[in-house]
Amino acid sequence: MKVLFTAECPAEPFNTLVREGKAGEIIGKIMETIKPESVYFTELDGMRTCFMVIEMNSASEIPKHAEPFFLNFNAACRFRIAMTPEDLQNSGLDSIGQQWS
């Protein structure tokens, strides 16, 4: 299933890693490991933030994705299930609406 994975990184230790020239190398290694479908870097509520679309088959994969951000950047990580238009079309939403209306 597709998952929207968000990692919010506080100023420290990220600032120190940037000053030491290590932040880019660590991010590159994480991206090679996670292999996101897409990835975007931005700011959210004043914190460096990474939004990724990843494919997960099981909740047991959460540590594989989150731990590199926890351990290297002291990040706050969130996982949200995401549907494609095809997923929504196959969900039976119309019949569920009729059942519960």
C-alpha atoms as a PDB file:
ATOM      1  CA  MET A   1       0.000   0.000   0.000  1.00  0.00           C
ATOM      2  CA  LYS A   2       1.075   3.566  -0.577  1.00  0.00           C
ATOM      3  CA  VAL A   3       1.998   5.551   2.516  1.00  0.00           C
ATOM      4  CA  LEU A   4       2.700   9.249   2.944  1.00  0.00           C
ATOM      5  CA  PHE A   5       5.719   9.307   5.254  1.00  0.00           C
ATOM      6  CA  THR A   6       6.598  12.622   6.871  1.00  0.00           C
ATOM      7  CA  ALA A   7       9.807  13.283   8.804  1.00  0.00           C
ATOM      8  CA  GLU A   8      10.127  16.588  10.682  1.00  0.00           C
ATOM      9  CA  CYS A   9      13.669  17.380  11.804  1.00  0.00           C
ATOM     10  CA  PRO A  10      14.368  19.807  14.659  1.00  0.00           C
ATOM     11  CA  ALA A  11      17.214  22.310  14.367  1.00  0.00           C
ATOM     12  CA  GLU A  12      19.533  20.061  16.354  1.00  0.00           C
ATOM     13  CA  PRO A  13      21.227  17.795  15.552  1.00  0.00           C
ATOM     14  CA  PHE A  14      20.523  18.775  11.911  1.00  0.00           C
ATOM     15  CA  ASN A  15      22.351  22.130  12.125  1.00  0.00           C
ATOM     16  CA  THR A  16      25.447  20.445  13.518  1.00  0.00           C
ATOM     17  CA  LEU A  17      25.384  17.815  10.772  1.00  0.00           C
ATOM     18  CA  VAL A  18      25.092  20.556   8.133  1.00  0.00           C
ATOM     19  CA  ARG A  19      28.072  22.417   9.630  1.00  0.00           C
ATOM     20  CA  GLU A  20      30.078  19.185   9.661  1.00  0.00           C
ATOM     21  CA  GLY A  21      29.172  18.493   6.032  1.00  0.00           C
ATOM     22  CA  LYS A  22      27.409  15.232   6.917  1.00  0.00           C
ATOM     23  CA  ALA A  23      23.695  16.016   6.456  1.00  0.00           C
ATOM     24  CA  GLY A  24      23.606  15.515   2.679  1.00  0.00           C
ATOM     25  CA  GLU A  25      25.519  12.245   2.875  1.00  0.00           C
ATOM     26  CA  ILE A  26      23.154  10.883   5.538  1.00  0.00           C
ATOM     27  CA  ILE A  27      20.059  11.942   3.604  1.00  0.00           C
ATOM     28  CA  GLY A  28      21.472  10.306   0.471  1.00  0.00           C
ATOM     29  CA  LYS A  29      22.083   7.053   2.314  1.00  0.00           C
ATOM     30  CA  ILE A  30      18.561   7.115   3.768  1.00  0.00           C
ATOM     31  CA  MET A  31      17.023   7.733   0.328  1.00  0.00           C
ATOM     32  CA  GLU A  32      19.036   4.837  -1.148  1.00  0.00           C
ATOM     33  CA  THR A  33      17.701   2.583   1.613  1.00  0.00           C
ATOM     34  CA  ILE A  34      14.067   3.726   1.622  1.00  0.00           C
ATOM     35  CA  LYS A  35      13.752   4.174  -2.159  1.00  0.00           C
ATOM     36  CA  PRO A  36      10.713   6.479  -2.023  1.00  0.00           C
ATOM     37  CA  GLU A  37       8.436   6.802  -5.052  1.00  0.00           C
ATOM     38  CA  SER A  38       8.678  10.552  -4.644  1.00  0.00           C
ATOM     39  CA  VAL A  39      10.268  12.867  -2.109  1.00  0.00           C
ATOM     40  CA  TYR A  40       9.923  16.565  -1.333  1.00  0.00           C
ATOM     41  CA  PHE A  41      11.864  18.684   1.135  1.00  0.00           C
ATOM     42  CA  THR A  42      10.245  21.755   2.652  1.00  0.00           C
ATOM     43  CA  GLU A  43       9.604  23.624   5.876  1.00  0.00           C
ATOM     44  CA  LEU A  44       6.670  22.780   8.156  1.00  0.00           C
ATOM     45  CA  ASP A  45       6.008  24.816  11.291  1.00  0.00           C
ATOM     46  CA  GLY A  46       9.589  26.102  11.208  1.00  0.00           C
ATOM     47  CA  MET A  47      11.192  22.657  10.947  1.00  0.00           C
ATOM     48  CA  ARG A  48      13.015  21.003   8.073  1.00  0.00           C
ATOM     49  CA  THR A  49      10.543  18.463   6.733  1.00  0.00           C
ATOM     50  CA  CYS A  50      10.647  15.636   4.240  1.00  0.00           C
ATOM     51  CA  PHE A  51       7.490  14.276   2.580  1.00  0.00           C
ATOM     52  CA  MET A  52       7.834  10.899   0.876  1.00  0.00           C
ATOM     53  CA  VAL A  53       5.492   8.507  -0.861  1.00  0.00           C
ATOM     54  CA  ILE A  54       6.631   4.989  -0.051  1.00  0.00           C
ATOM     55  CA  GLU A  55       5.306   1.505  -0.711  1.00  0.00           C
ATOM     56  CA  MET A  56       4.732  -0.653   2.372  1.00  0.00           C
ATOM     57  CA  ASN A  57       3.425  -4.199   2.564  1.00  0.00           C
ATOM     58  CA  SER A  58       3.259  -4.436   6.336  1.00  0.00           C
ATOM     59  CA  ALA A  59       3.345  -2.257   9.441  1.00  0.00           C
ATOM     60  CA  SER A  60       6.475  -4.207  10.395  1.00  0.00           C
ATOM     61  CA  GLU A  61       8.325  -2.074   7.809  1.00  0.00           C
ATOM     62  CA  ILE A  62       7.829   1.121   9.844  1.00  0.00           C
ATOM     63  CA  PRO A  63      11.136   0.835  11.762  1.00  0.00           C
ATOM     64  CA  LYS A  64      13.078   0.365   8.497  1.00  0.00           C
ATOM     65  CA  HIS A  65      11.788   3.741   7.332  1.00  0.00           C
ATOM     66  CA  ALA A  66      11.615   5.696  10.591  1.00  0.00           C
ATOM     67  CA  GLU A  67      14.731   4.653  12.518  1.00  0.00           C
ATOM     68  CA  PRO A  68      17.240   6.337  10.183  1.00  0.00           C
ATOM     69  CA  PHE A  69      15.411   9.651  10.766  1.00  0.00           C
ATOM     70  CA  PHE A  70      15.012   9.044  14.506  1.00  0.00           C
ATOM     71  CA  LEU A  71      18.631   8.066  15.038  1.00  0.00           C
ATOM     72  CA  ASN A  72      20.315  10.626  12.774  1.00  0.00           C
ATOM     73  CA  PHE A  73      18.058  13.668  13.042  1.00  0.00           C
ATOM     74  CA  ASN A  74      15.906  13.195  16.164  1.00  0.00           C
ATOM     75  CA  ALA A  75      12.954  13.498  13.761  1.00  0.00           C
ATOM     76  CA  ALA A  76       9.247  13.199  14.400  1.00  0.00           C
ATOM     77  CA  CYS A  77       7.894  10.658  11.902  1.00  0.00           C
ATOM     78  CA  ARG A  78       4.342  10.111  10.723  1.00  0.00           C
ATOM     79  CA  PHE A  79       2.837   7.467   8.456  1.00  0.00           C
ATOM     80  CA  ARG A  80      -0.467   7.990   6.667  1.00  0.00           C
ATOM     81  CA  ILE A  81      -2.100   5.471   4.344  1.00  0.00           C
ATOM     82  CA  ALA A  82      -2.639   7.056   0.936  1.00  0.00           C
ATOM     83  CA  MET A  83      -5.070   6.032  -1.798  1.00  0.00           C
ATOM     84  CA  THR A  84      -4.631   6.468  -5.508  1.00  0.00           C
ATOM     85  CA  PRO A  85      -7.681   7.421  -7.578  1.00  0.00           C
ATOM     86  CA  GLU A  86      -7.919   3.739  -8.534  1.00  0.00           C
ATOM     87  CA  ASP A  87      -7.893   2.698  -4.870  1.00  0.00           C
ATOM     88  CA  LEU A  88     -10.724   5.107  -4.135  1.00  0.00           C
ATOM     89  CA  GLN A  89     -12.683   3.859  -7.147  1.00  0.00           C
ATOM     90  CA  ASN A  90     -12.311   0.247  -5.937  1.00  0.00           C
ATOM     91  CA  SER A  91     -13.220   1.080  -2.327  1.00  0.00           C
ATOM     92  CA  GLY A  92     -16.972   0.670  -2.703  1.00  0.00           C
ATOM     93  CA  LEU A  93     -17.477   4.185  -1.371  1.00  0.00           C
ATOM     94  CA  ASP A  94     -20.857   4.650  -3.098  1.00  0.00           C
ATOM     95  CA  SER A  95     -22.321   1.458  -1.628  1.00  0.00           C
ATOM     96  CA  ILE A  96     -20.904   2.307   1.798  1.00  0.00           C
ATOM     97  CA  GLY A  97     -22.594   5.696   1.539  1.00  0.00           C
ATOM     98  CA  GLN A  98     -25.908   4.052   0.706  1.00  0.00           C
ATOM     99  CA  GLN A  99     -25.524   1.580   3.566  1.00  0.00           C
ATOM    100  CA  TRP A 100     -24.899   4.319   6.128  1.00  0.00           C
ATOM    101  CA  SER A 101     -27.286   7.021   4.846  1.00  0.00           C
END
